[in-house]
Amino acid sequence: DVQMIERFKAGDCIRHFKREEHSEGLNYLYIYLGIAWHTENGEPLAVYKALYGEQNLYARPLEMFNESMKNGRSRFEKATLEDLEAVKNAISSQMLERH
């Protein structure tokens, strides 16, 4: 049952484990969009959108998305308050540039 393994809610800001290696700005921060289903084999896919660069949309097998790394930490975690502050500052900057 996917509800049992879906760790985030649509709209959650999440970060990839690589975020700690490159801790400036929005790098490795994403918005979790939810579950999609592979059309050929029915595999559940986690769908998420980058908050940096071209703001690409990504899909990863849900099992891989939820897996833990060798150090025991999750591949993806909920964003920290520091991460959310970076998002807030980026949005504020973008709004100022438009006016």
C-alpha atoms as a PDB file:
ATOM      1  CA  ASP A   1       0.000   0.000   0.000  1.00  0.00           C
ATOM      2  CA  VAL A   2       1.544   3.280  -1.142  1.00  0.00           C
ATOM      3  CA  GLN A   3       0.017   5.320   1.680  1.00  0.00           C
ATOM      4  CA  MET A   4       2.178   3.307   4.075  1.00  0.00           C
ATOM      5  CA  ILE A   5       5.392   4.231   2.273  1.00  0.00           C
ATOM      6  CA  GLU A   6       4.661   7.800   1.181  1.00  0.00           C
ATOM      7  CA  ARG A   7       6.729   9.800   3.679  1.00  0.00           C
ATOM      8  CA  PHE A   8       5.864  13.324   2.535  1.00  0.00           C
ATOM      9  CA  LYS A   9       2.717  15.238   1.643  1.00  0.00           C
ATOM     10  CA  ALA A  10       2.258  17.036  -1.668  1.00  0.00           C
ATOM     11  CA  GLY A  11       3.719  20.530  -1.296  1.00  0.00           C
ATOM     12  CA  ASP A  12       6.345  19.589   1.317  1.00  0.00           C
ATOM     13  CA  CYS A  13       9.742  21.172   0.843  1.00  0.00           C
ATOM     14  CA  ILE A  14      12.367  18.424   0.928  1.00  0.00           C
ATOM     15  CA  ARG A  15      16.108  18.201   0.550  1.00  0.00           C
ATOM     16  CA  HIS A  16      18.364  15.620  -0.991  1.00  0.00           C
ATOM     17  CA  PHE A  17      21.159  14.192   1.181  1.00  0.00           C
ATOM     18  CA  LYS A  18      23.745  15.973  -1.032  1.00  0.00           C
ATOM     19  CA  ARG A  19      22.449  19.280   0.399  1.00  0.00           C
ATOM     20  CA  GLU A  20      24.943  19.067   3.265  1.00  0.00           C
ATOM     21  CA  GLU A  21      27.863  18.908   0.838  1.00  0.00           C
ATOM     22  CA  HIS A  22      26.711  22.030  -1.017  1.00  0.00           C
ATOM     23  CA  SER A  23      24.915  24.083   1.595  1.00  0.00           C
ATOM     24  CA  GLU A  24      24.391  27.416  -0.132  1.00  0.00           C
ATOM     25  CA  GLY A  25      21.153  28.681  -1.643  1.00  0.00           C
ATOM     26  CA  LEU A  26      18.491  26.393  -2.998  1.00  0.00           C
ATOM     27  CA  ASN A  27      20.736  23.628  -4.359  1.00  0.00           C
ATOM     28  CA  TYR A  28      19.263  20.195  -3.653  1.00  0.00           C
ATOM     29  CA  LEU A  29      15.947  21.598  -2.408  1.00  0.00           C
ATOM     30  CA  TYR A  30      12.723  20.335  -3.969  1.00  0.00           C
ATOM     31  CA  ILE A  31       8.952  20.498  -3.670  1.00  0.00           C
ATOM     32  CA  TYR A  32       7.445  17.034  -3.304  1.00  0.00           C
ATOM     33  CA  LEU A  33       4.509  16.683  -5.713  1.00  0.00           C
ATOM     34  CA  GLY A  34       3.283  13.181  -4.941  1.00  0.00           C
ATOM     35  CA  ILE A  35       3.065   9.720  -6.497  1.00  0.00           C
ATOM     36  CA  ALA A  36       2.857   8.914 -10.202  1.00  0.00           C
ATOM     37  CA  TRP A  37       2.412   5.430 -11.634  1.00  0.00           C
ATOM     38  CA  HIS A  38       4.679   4.012 -14.319  1.00  0.00           C
ATOM     39  CA  THR A  39       2.428   3.318 -17.309  1.00  0.00           C
ATOM     40  CA  GLU A  40       4.133   0.070 -18.304  1.00  0.00           C
ATOM     41  CA  ASN A  41       4.682  -1.753 -15.026  1.00  0.00           C
ATOM     42  CA  GLY A  42       2.554   0.122 -12.462  1.00  0.00           C
ATOM     43  CA  GLU A  43       5.582   0.965 -10.308  1.00  0.00           C
ATOM     44  CA  PRO A  44       4.976   3.925  -7.967  1.00  0.00           C
ATOM     45  CA  LEU A  45       7.242   6.903  -8.661  1.00  0.00           C
ATOM     46  CA  ALA A  46       7.933   9.847  -6.359  1.00  0.00           C
ATOM     47  CA  VAL A  47       7.609  13.112  -8.306  1.00  0.00           C
ATOM     48  CA  TYR A  48       9.404  16.261  -7.178  1.00  0.00           C
ATOM     49  CA  LYS A  49      10.399  19.651  -8.605  1.00  0.00           C
ATOM     50  CA  ALA A  50      13.743  21.377  -8.133  1.00  0.00           C
ATOM     51  CA  LEU A  51      13.747  24.818  -6.530  1.00  0.00           C
ATOM     52  CA  TYR A  52      17.032  25.716  -8.250  1.00  0.00           C
ATOM     53  CA  GLY A  53      18.355  26.068 -11.784  1.00  0.00           C
ATOM     54  CA  GLU A  54      15.822  25.268 -14.483  1.00  0.00           C
ATOM     55  CA  GLN A  55      13.412  23.987 -11.800  1.00  0.00           C
ATOM     56  CA  ASN A  56      13.234  20.598 -13.501  1.00  0.00           C
ATOM     57  CA  LEU A  57      10.635  17.992 -12.658  1.00  0.00           C
ATOM     58  CA  TYR A  58      11.972  14.595 -11.536  1.00  0.00           C
ATOM     59  CA  ALA A  59      10.538  11.132 -10.932  1.00  0.00           C
ATOM     60  CA  ARG A  60      12.308   8.377  -9.022  1.00  0.00           C
ATOM     61  CA  PRO A  61      11.061   4.902  -8.085  1.00  0.00           C
ATOM     62  CA  LEU A  62       9.371   5.319  -4.709  1.00  0.00           C
ATOM     63  CA  GLU A  63      11.376   2.477  -3.207  1.00  0.00           C
ATOM     64  CA  MET A  64      14.648   4.226  -4.167  1.00  0.00           C
ATOM     65  CA  PHE A  65      13.279   7.614  -3.087  1.00  0.00           C
ATOM     66  CA  ASN A  66      12.562   6.239   0.405  1.00  0.00           C
ATOM     67  CA  GLU A  67      15.766   4.255   0.870  1.00  0.00           C
ATOM     68  CA  SER A  68      18.390   4.978   3.505  1.00  0.00           C
ATOM     69  CA  MET A  69      22.002   5.660   2.638  1.00  0.00           C
ATOM     70  CA  LYS A  70      24.970   3.664   3.934  1.00  0.00           C
ATOM     71  CA  ASN A  71      25.309   6.106   6.842  1.00  0.00           C
ATOM     72  CA  GLY A  72      21.719   5.354   7.917  1.00  0.00           C
ATOM     73  CA  ARG A  73      20.291   8.712   6.849  1.00  0.00           C
ATOM     74  CA  SER A  74      17.398   9.004   4.437  1.00  0.00           C
ATOM     75  CA  ARG A  75      18.054   9.954   0.814  1.00  0.00           C
ATOM     76  CA  PHE A  76      15.422  12.719   1.179  1.00  0.00           C
ATOM     77  CA  GLU A  77      14.400  14.558   4.339  1.00  0.00           C
ATOM     78  CA  LYS A  78      12.017  17.360   5.173  1.00  0.00           C
ATOM     79  CA  ALA A  79      13.618  20.766   4.715  1.00  0.00           C
ATOM     80  CA  THR A  80      15.082  22.469   7.771  1.00  0.00           C
ATOM     81  CA  LEU A  81      14.107  25.944   8.949  1.00  0.00           C
ATOM     82  CA  GLU A  82      17.364  27.181   7.389  1.00  0.00           C
ATOM     83  CA  ASP A  83      16.344  25.632   4.072  1.00  0.00           C
ATOM     84  CA  LEU A  84      12.906  27.244   4.244  1.00  0.00           C
ATOM     85  CA  GLU A  85      14.514  30.610   4.982  1.00  0.00           C
ATOM     86  CA  ALA A  86      16.621  30.215   1.802  1.00  0.00           C
ATOM     87  CA  VAL A  87      13.419  29.531  -0.167  1.00  0.00           C
ATOM     88  CA  LYS A  88      11.727  32.585   1.362  1.00  0.00           C
ATOM     89  CA  ASN A  89      14.705  34.810   0.534  1.00  0.00           C
ATOM     90  CA  ALA A  90      14.880  33.522  -3.040  1.00  0.00           C
ATOM     91  CA  ILE A  91      11.174  34.194  -3.596  1.00  0.00           C
ATOM     92  CA  SER A  92      11.518  37.697  -2.125  1.00  0.00           C
ATOM     93  CA  SER A  93      14.478  38.419  -4.412  1.00  0.00           C
ATOM     94  CA  GLN A  94      12.586  37.185  -7.472  1.00  0.00           C
ATOM     95  CA  MET A  95       9.612  39.385  -6.613  1.00  0.00           C
ATOM     96  CA  LEU A  96      11.820  42.447  -6.192  1.00  0.00           C
ATOM     97  CA  GLU A  97      13.496  41.811  -9.553  1.00  0.00           C
ATOM     98  CA  ARG A  98      10.107  41.767 -11.302  1.00  0.00           C
ATOM     99  CA  HIS A  99       9.089  45.200  -9.983  1.00  0.00           C
END
